[in-house]
Protein backbone atom coordinates (compact mmCIF):
# COMPACT_ATOMS: atom_id res chain seq x y z
CA MET A 1 2.95 4.78 1.77
CA GLU A 2 0.87 7.02 -0.71
CA GLN A 3 -2.20 4.84 -0.30
CA GLU A 4 -2.08 5.00 3.44
CA ARG A 5 -1.69 8.71 3.34
CA ILE A 6 -4.65 8.98 1.01
CA TRP A 7 -6.83 6.89 3.47
CA LEU A 8 -5.61 9.07 6.49
CA LEU A 9 -6.61 12.46 4.58
CA MET A 10 -9.84 11.15 3.83
CA GLY A 11 -10.66 9.76 7.05
CA ARG A 12 -9.56 13.33 8.57
CA LYS A 13 -11.63 15.16 5.98
CA VAL A 14 -15.05 13.01 6.68
CA SER A 15 -14.45 13.78 10.19
CA GLY A 16 -14.11 17.38 9.69
CA GLU A 17 -10.57 17.57 11.37
CA ALA A 18 -8.47 18.30 8.16
CA THR A 19 -6.34 21.32 7.68
CA MET A 20 -6.36 23.46 4.82
CA GLU A 21 -3.09 22.00 3.79
CA GLU A 22 -4.29 18.73 4.12
CA LEU A 23 -7.34 19.29 2.02
CA ARG A 24 -4.95 20.82 -0.56
CA GLU A 25 -2.82 17.63 -0.52
CA LEU A 26 -5.69 15.30 -0.69
CA GLU A 27 -7.23 17.24 -3.85
CA GLU A 28 -3.53 16.92 -5.44
CA LEU A 29 -3.39 13.09 -4.84
CA LEU A 30 -7.13 12.57 -6.02
CA GLN A 31 -6.23 14.46 -9.32
CA GLN A 32 -3.66 11.95 -10.04
CA ASP A 33 -6.13 9.14 -10.25
CA PRO A 34 -9.38 9.57 -11.73
CA GLU A 35 -10.75 6.29 -10.55
CA LEU A 36 -9.78 6.82 -6.95
CA ARG A 37 -11.35 10.19 -7.37
CA TYR A 38 -14.71 8.75 -8.54
CA LYS A 39 -14.55 6.42 -5.52
CA TYR A 40 -13.94 8.84 -3.22
CA SER A 41 -16.98 11.12 -4.51
CA VAL A 42 -19.16 8.16 -3.71
CA LEU A 43 -18.08 7.94 -0.09
CA ASN A 44 -18.26 11.87 0.25
CA SER A 45 -21.69 11.89 -1.21
CA TRP A 46 -23.29 9.46 1.46
CA PRO A 47 -26.54 10.76 2.44
CA GLU A 48 -27.22 12.16 5.96
CA PRO A 49 -30.40 11.92 7.66
CA ALA A 50 -32.72 14.50 6.87
CA HIS A 51 -33.79 15.91 10.08
CA ASN A 52 -30.27 16.21 11.51
CA ARG A 53 -27.42 17.34 9.09
CA GLU A 54 -24.59 16.92 11.52
CA TRP A 55 -22.98 13.93 12.66
CA ASP A 56 -21.79 13.95 16.23
CA LYS A 57 -18.05 13.67 17.02
CA LYS A 58 -18.16 10.32 18.45
CA THR A 59 -19.58 8.82 15.16
CA ASN A 60 -17.22 10.73 13.06
CA ASN A 61 -14.12 9.55 15.04
CA ALA A 62 -15.37 6.08 14.81
CA LEU A 63 -15.68 6.44 11.04
CA GLU A 64 -12.07 7.74 10.78
CA LYS A 65 -10.66 4.70 12.86
CA HIS A 66 -12.54 2.37 10.90
CA LEU A 67 -11.01 3.98 7.64
CA LEU A 68 -7.65 3.68 8.79
CA LYS A 69 -7.97 0.16 9.65
CA MET A 70 -9.50 -0.96 6.27
CA GLU A 71 -6.37 -2.17 4.74
CA THR A 72 -5.68 -4.52 7.94
CA VAL A 73 -9.26 -5.73 8.04
CA PHE A 74 -9.46 -6.42 4.45
CA PRO A 75 -6.09 -7.51 3.47
CA LYS A 76 -5.59 -8.15 -0.42
CA GLU A 77 -2.77 -10.01 -2.21
CA GLU A 78 -1.81 -8.38 -5.26
CA LEU A 79 -0.26 -10.63 -8.10
CA PRO A 80 1.68 -8.12 -9.98
CA VAL A 81 2.67 -8.62 -13.64
CA LYS A 82 6.21 -7.94 -14.86
CA LYS A 83 6.33 -4.89 -17.27
CA GLU A 84 9.24 -4.06 -19.45
CA GLY A 85 10.79 -0.36 -18.88
CA ARG A 86 8.78 0.96 -16.24
CA ASN A 87 7.78 0.66 -12.50
CA ILE A 88 4.76 -1.70 -11.81
CA ARG A 89 1.87 0.28 -10.60
CA LYS A 90 0.23 -0.82 -7.44
CA ILE A 91 -3.34 -1.45 -8.46
CA ILE A 92 -5.72 -0.40 -5.88
CA SER A 93 -8.45 -2.96 -6.48
CA VAL A 94 -9.21 -2.69 -2.76
CA LEU A 95 -10.81 0.68 -3.20
CA SER A 96 -14.22 -0.49 -4.53
CA LEU A 97 -14.56 -2.84 -1.68
CA LEU A 98 -13.44 -0.09 0.79
CA VAL A 99 -15.74 2.45 -0.27
CA LEU A 100 -18.82 0.43 -0.28
CA VAL A 101 -18.02 -1.35 2.90
CA LEU A 102 -17.61 2.08 4.44
CA GLY A 103 -20.98 2.91 3.11
CA GLY A 104 -22.28 -0.07 4.93
CA TYR A 105 -20.66 0.89 7.83
CA CYS A 106 -22.03 4.50 7.76
CA ALA A 107 -25.40 2.94 7.30
CA TYR A 108 -24.92 0.79 10.37
CA LEU A 109 -23.92 4.02 12.38
CA LEU A 110 -26.96 5.96 10.93
CA MET A 111 -29.51 3.07 11.80
CA ASN A 112 -28.34 2.92 15.33
CA LYS A 113 -28.53 6.47 15.87
CA TYR A 114 -31.84 7.05 13.72
CA PRO A 115 -33.46 3.73 12.98
CA GLN A 116 -36.31 5.08 11.30
CA GLN A 117 -34.03 6.41 8.62
CA GLY A 118 -31.68 3.57 8.18
CA THR A 119 -31.30 1.77 4.76
CA LYS A 120 -29.56 -1.34 3.97
CA VAL A 121 -26.43 -1.28 1.37
CA ALA A 122 -27.23 -3.82 -1.29
CA ILE A 123 -23.97 -4.69 -2.86
CA ALA A 124 -20.30 -4.62 -2.16
CA SER A 125 -17.74 -4.59 -5.14
CA ILE A 126 -14.30 -5.93 -5.84
CA LEU A 127 -12.47 -5.29 -9.25
CA THR A 128 -9.26 -5.67 -10.83
CA ARG A 129 -7.74 -3.38 -13.69
CA ASP A 130 -5.95 -4.75 -16.67
CA GLY A 131 -2.40 -5.35 -15.74
CA SER A 132 -3.30 -6.50 -12.30
CA ARG A 133 -4.86 -9.63 -10.39
CA SER A 134 -6.18 -9.64 -6.88
CA ARG A 135 -7.22 -12.09 -4.01
CA ALA A 136 -9.71 -11.54 -1.66
CA GLN A 137 -12.01 -13.36 1.07
CA LEU A 138 -15.81 -13.26 1.10
CA PRO A 139 -17.93 -12.76 4.60
CA ASP A 140 -18.51 -16.53 4.34
CA GLY A 141 -14.83 -17.31 4.25
CA THR A 142 -14.81 -18.20 0.55
CA GLU A 143 -11.52 -17.46 -1.27
CA ILE A 144 -11.52 -15.67 -4.61
CA TRP A 145 -9.08 -14.84 -7.17
CA LEU A 146 -9.68 -12.11 -9.60
CA ASN A 147 -8.11 -12.03 -13.00
CA ALA A 148 -7.10 -8.84 -14.91
CA GLY A 149 -10.13 -6.70 -15.90
CA SER A 150 -12.64 -8.33 -13.44
CA HIS A 151 -15.51 -7.18 -11.29
CA LEU A 152 -17.22 -9.02 -8.63
CA THR A 153 -20.25 -8.06 -6.72
CA TYR A 154 -21.83 -9.63 -3.76
CA ASP A 155 -24.14 -9.03 -0.71
CA PRO A 156 -21.93 -8.05 2.58
CA ASP A 157 -24.83 -9.71 4.56
CA MET A 158 -24.87 -13.04 2.69
CA ASN A 159 -24.06 -14.99 5.84
CA ASN A 160 -27.92 -13.87 7.03
CA LEU A 161 -29.41 -14.82 3.83
CA SER A 162 -30.67 -18.15 2.86
CA SER A 163 -28.20 -18.11 -0.29
CA ARG A 164 -24.75 -16.75 -1.06
CA GLU A 165 -24.82 -15.17 -4.38
CA VAL A 166 -22.41 -13.31 -6.32
CA THR A 167 -22.35 -11.76 -9.86
CA LEU A 168 -19.27 -11.79 -12.11
CA THR A 169 -17.86 -10.16 -15.15
CA GLY A 170 -14.43 -11.12 -16.11
CA GLU A 171 -12.68 -14.24 -14.75
CA ALA A 172 -12.22 -15.47 -11.21
CA PHE A 173 -11.25 -18.69 -9.33
CA PHE A 174 -13.38 -19.88 -6.28
CA GLU A 175 -12.59 -21.95 -3.32
CA VAL A 176 -16.31 -22.08 -1.73
CA THR A 177 -16.62 -22.63 1.98
CA LYS A 178 -19.13 -25.16 2.62
CA SER A 179 -22.26 -24.15 4.42
CA ALA A 180 -25.02 -26.58 5.01
CA GLY A 181 -28.38 -25.45 3.52
CA LYS A 182 -26.70 -22.33 1.89
CA PRO A 183 -25.78 -22.85 -1.66
CA PHE A 184 -23.37 -20.79 -3.53
CA TYR A 185 -24.52 -19.07 -6.82
CA ILE A 186 -22.37 -17.33 -9.47
CA HIS A 187 -24.43 -15.33 -11.75
CA THR A 188 -22.79 -14.17 -15.26
CA ALA A 189 -24.47 -12.59 -18.32
CA LYS A 190 -24.48 -16.07 -20.05
CA MET A 191 -24.70 -18.57 -17.25
CA ASP A 192 -25.47 -19.38 -13.67
CA ILE A 193 -23.51 -21.77 -11.53
CA LYS A 194 -24.87 -23.40 -8.33
CA VAL A 195 -22.35 -25.18 -5.90
CA LEU A 196 -22.38 -26.51 -2.13
CA GLY A 197 -18.67 -26.47 -1.47
CA THR A 198 -15.95 -26.82 -4.24
CA SER A 199 -12.99 -25.20 -6.21
CA PHE A 200 -13.84 -23.97 -9.81
CA ASN A 201 -12.91 -21.22 -12.48
CA VAL A 202 -15.20 -19.00 -14.25
CA LYS A 203 -14.42 -17.07 -17.34
CA ALA A 204 -16.99 -14.63 -18.59
CA TYR A 205 -15.52 -11.34 -19.97
CA THR A 206 -17.76 -9.12 -21.70
CA GLY A 207 -17.01 -9.12 -25.50
CA ASP A 208 -15.43 -12.74 -25.44
CA LYS A 209 -16.62 -15.35 -27.83
CA THR A 210 -17.55 -17.83 -24.93
CA THR A 211 -18.31 -18.20 -21.73
CA GLU A 212 -16.54 -20.85 -19.37
CA ALA A 213 -16.86 -22.82 -16.23
CA THR A 214 -14.11 -25.37 -15.20
CA LEU A 215 -14.52 -27.63 -12.21
CA ILE A 216 -11.58 -28.99 -10.26
CA THR A 217 -13.08 -30.40 -7.18
CA GLY A 218 -16.64 -31.09 -5.83
CA ALA A 219 -19.67 -30.62 -8.12
CA VAL A 220 -21.63 -27.93 -9.86
CA GLU A 221 -24.76 -27.25 -11.79
CA VAL A 222 -24.59 -24.83 -14.57
CA THR A 223 -27.91 -23.17 -15.94
CA LEU A 224 -27.44 -21.62 -19.29
CA ASN A 225 -29.21 -18.16 -19.87
CA ASP A 226 -29.04 -18.02 -23.55
CA GLY A 227 -32.68 -17.90 -24.67
CA VAL A 228 -33.69 -21.59 -23.46
CA ALA A 229 -32.85 -22.52 -19.95
CA ARG A 230 -30.73 -25.60 -19.92
CA SER A 231 -28.99 -27.26 -16.75
CA ILE A 232 -25.78 -29.25 -16.96
CA LYS A 233 -23.90 -30.90 -14.08
CA LEU A 234 -20.22 -31.10 -13.96
CA ILE A 235 -17.76 -33.30 -12.32
CA PRO A 236 -14.23 -32.73 -11.25
CA ASN A 237 -12.05 -32.03 -14.31
CA GLN A 238 -14.53 -31.18 -16.74
CA LYS A 239 -15.43 -27.73 -18.10
CA ILE A 240 -18.40 -26.33 -20.05
CA ILE A 241 -17.94 -23.82 -22.79
CA LEU A 242 -20.65 -21.84 -24.14
CA GLU A 243 -20.49 -20.35 -27.48
CA HIS A 244 -22.13 -16.83 -27.77
CA SER A 245 -24.79 -16.38 -30.52
CA ASN A 246 -24.15 -13.68 -32.94
CA GLY A 247 -27.63 -12.98 -33.38
CA THR A 248 -28.94 -9.21 -33.87
CA GLY A 249 -31.94 -7.30 -33.40
CA PRO A 250 -35.14 -8.23 -31.70
CA SER A 251 -35.04 -11.87 -32.29
CA LYS A 252 -31.59 -12.36 -30.62
CA ALA A 253 -32.81 -13.47 -27.36
CA SER A 254 -34.49 -16.25 -28.98
CA ILE A 255 -31.30 -17.60 -30.60
CA VAL A 256 -29.82 -20.72 -28.65
CA ALA A 257 -26.15 -21.05 -28.77
CA GLY A 258 -24.19 -24.34 -28.65
CA TYR A 259 -22.14 -25.56 -25.73
CA ARG A 260 -19.79 -28.42 -25.36
CA VAL A 261 -18.40 -30.18 -22.19
CA GLU A 262 -14.86 -31.13 -22.22
CA ASN A 263 -12.39 -32.95 -19.99
CA ILE A 264 -9.24 -30.95 -18.83
CA LEU A 265 -5.79 -32.30 -18.57
CA GLY A 266 -2.75 -31.14 -16.51
CA THR A 267 0.54 -30.93 -17.88
CA GLN A 268 2.68 -34.10 -17.78
CA GLN A 269 5.33 -32.14 -16.03
CA ASP A 270 3.70 -30.78 -13.17
CA GLY A 271 -0.02 -31.30 -13.54
CA MET A 272 -0.75 -27.45 -13.97
CA VAL A 273 -4.14 -26.84 -15.49
CA LYS A 274 -3.91 -24.30 -18.06
CA GLU A 275 -7.70 -22.91 -17.29
CA THR A 276 -6.43 -22.14 -13.87
CA ALA A 277 -2.76 -21.35 -14.50
CA TRP A 278 -3.43 -17.70 -14.23
CA ARG A 279 -4.24 -17.89 -10.59
CA ASN A 280 -0.42 -18.70 -10.08
CA ASN A 281 1.01 -16.01 -12.47
CA PHE A 282 1.30 -18.25 -15.58
CA LEU A 283 0.08 -16.87 -18.83
CA VAL A 284 -0.81 -19.85 -21.08
CA PHE A 285 -1.49 -20.46 -24.66
CA ASP A 286 -2.40 -23.81 -26.09
CA ASN A 287 -2.71 -23.87 -29.98
CA GLU A 288 -4.61 -20.64 -29.81
CA ARG A 289 -5.11 -17.95 -32.44
CA PHE A 290 -2.84 -14.81 -32.40
CA GLU A 291 -5.90 -12.82 -32.21
CA ASP A 292 -7.30 -14.77 -29.02
CA ILE A 293 -3.84 -14.58 -27.61
CA ALA A 294 -3.82 -10.64 -27.89
CA VAL A 295 -7.12 -10.39 -25.98
CA LYS A 296 -5.62 -12.27 -23.08
CA MET A 297 -2.17 -10.19 -23.15
CA GLU A 298 -4.23 -6.84 -23.27
CA ARG A 299 -5.75 -7.77 -20.25
CA TRP A 300 -2.44 -9.07 -18.56
CA TYR A 301 -0.20 -6.22 -19.60
CA ASP A 302 -2.65 -3.49 -19.78
CA ILE A 303 -1.93 -2.69 -23.37
CA LYS A 304 -3.69 -2.60 -26.63
CA ILE A 305 -2.70 -4.74 -29.65
CA HIS A 306 -3.19 -3.70 -33.35
CA PHE A 307 -2.83 -6.43 -36.28
CA ALA A 308 -1.82 -5.02 -39.70
CA ASN A 309 -4.08 -7.85 -41.68
CA ASN A 310 -6.10 -11.02 -40.89
CA LYS A 311 -3.36 -13.51 -41.83
CA LEU A 312 -1.28 -12.40 -38.53
CA LYS A 313 -4.56 -12.85 -36.47
CA ASN A 314 -4.58 -16.67 -37.62
CA TYR A 315 -1.22 -17.47 -36.48
CA HIS A 316 -1.32 -20.13 -33.99
CA PHE A 317 1.01 -20.42 -30.87
CA THR A 318 1.53 -22.60 -27.69
CA GLY A 319 3.50 -21.56 -24.90
CA THR A 320 3.77 -20.94 -21.09
CA PHE A 321 5.30 -18.10 -19.51
CA LYS A 322 5.74 -16.72 -15.81
CA ASN A 323 6.86 -13.27 -14.90
CA GLU A 324 7.99 -12.47 -18.46
CA SER A 325 7.50 -8.91 -19.64
CA PHE A 326 5.63 -8.34 -22.59
CA PRO A 327 8.78 -7.95 -25.08
CA GLU A 328 10.08 -11.01 -23.87
CA VAL A 329 6.90 -12.87 -24.75
CA LEU A 330 6.83 -11.46 -28.30
CA GLU A 331 10.41 -12.56 -28.87
CA ALA A 332 9.42 -16.05 -27.86
CA LEU A 333 6.59 -16.04 -30.34
CA LYS A 334 8.68 -14.89 -33.19
CA VAL A 335 10.91 -17.88 -32.86
CA THR A 336 8.02 -19.95 -34.53
CA SER A 337 6.51 -17.31 -36.71
CA SER A 338 7.71 -14.49 -38.63
CA PHE A 339 6.27 -10.92 -37.52
CA HIS A 340 7.44 -7.52 -36.67
CA CYS A 341 6.20 -5.31 -33.84
CA ARG A 342 6.25 -1.64 -32.71
CA ILE A 343 5.52 -0.61 -29.40
CA ALA A 344 4.65 2.88 -28.67
CA SER A 345 3.56 3.50 -25.02
CA ASN A 346 0.84 1.01 -24.44
CA GLU A 347 0.08 0.65 -27.86
CA VAL A 348 1.41 -2.41 -30.13
CA PHE A 349 1.39 -2.83 -33.82
CA ILE A 350 2.11 -6.05 -35.41
CA THR A 351 3.15 -6.18 -38.90
CA GLN A 352 4.52 -8.86 -41.27
């Protein structure tokens, strides 16, 4: 498997045991994936203690063994999206977590060997690119599902802190493990959410018109950070929708955006909640504008959609899809509204 091979080569280079042929192979593999190359550069640039520039063989071997075990220790469940006419890319969202946890492990080794030089790694990170979704478990046992184009950061030492805190950009579903006296906080650009043990969904994409939090079980307290601090408590099957203000210039921070709280309903057939359906690989539209649907599909299928005019953007659609390719979804939408489309690589052009 290519990923396993890359990790093996990275470990051998870090330990100083890689041959010239292996180094050339690693370089070729990294050239094929700029994102992976960047993450490797972060790992490769981890600072060594100033008074001793050489790691002993025991430390290097321990690091290499830890690197090779990362896929087992931190398993991820990738939720692939079907894409027409090409093989599905195996998105390596685990690599952000891999690099930062390895950094923490390096710090641990250094602090044991050089206590006066040790420094604590502040955060770990998990991300998913457009066209993929992932599942992970935090150190406290909390389960998270990350939707496409999302980024979550947290303190890997959260179990030893007075509170558990994560920062989210994008969309995630949480099943928070209860921990007496240790509340769980989710921070986004527009709102903070406090829980003790519950399941809920948070949608906070940069560039979206709203930030949303949907409570499935338990209780949460939402604090809005849009100019005037306001706190709202949700009960199960409620969601809060915060409209983003459109203010510009120095006075933007003082503009207070509106919000509303709505009850959520499952479908009559299977009780599925549209706000969390993505977690089970469902793409759902509920009387939504074509322009807003396009944003969802861009993340879902890793594409870019262009509209010829505003009339097309204002078409409304309702539908539920599971594992359909992008062309299949478009054909279904054409049944109720007339439009044409042209697909060129990952660019889609919608015309009348």
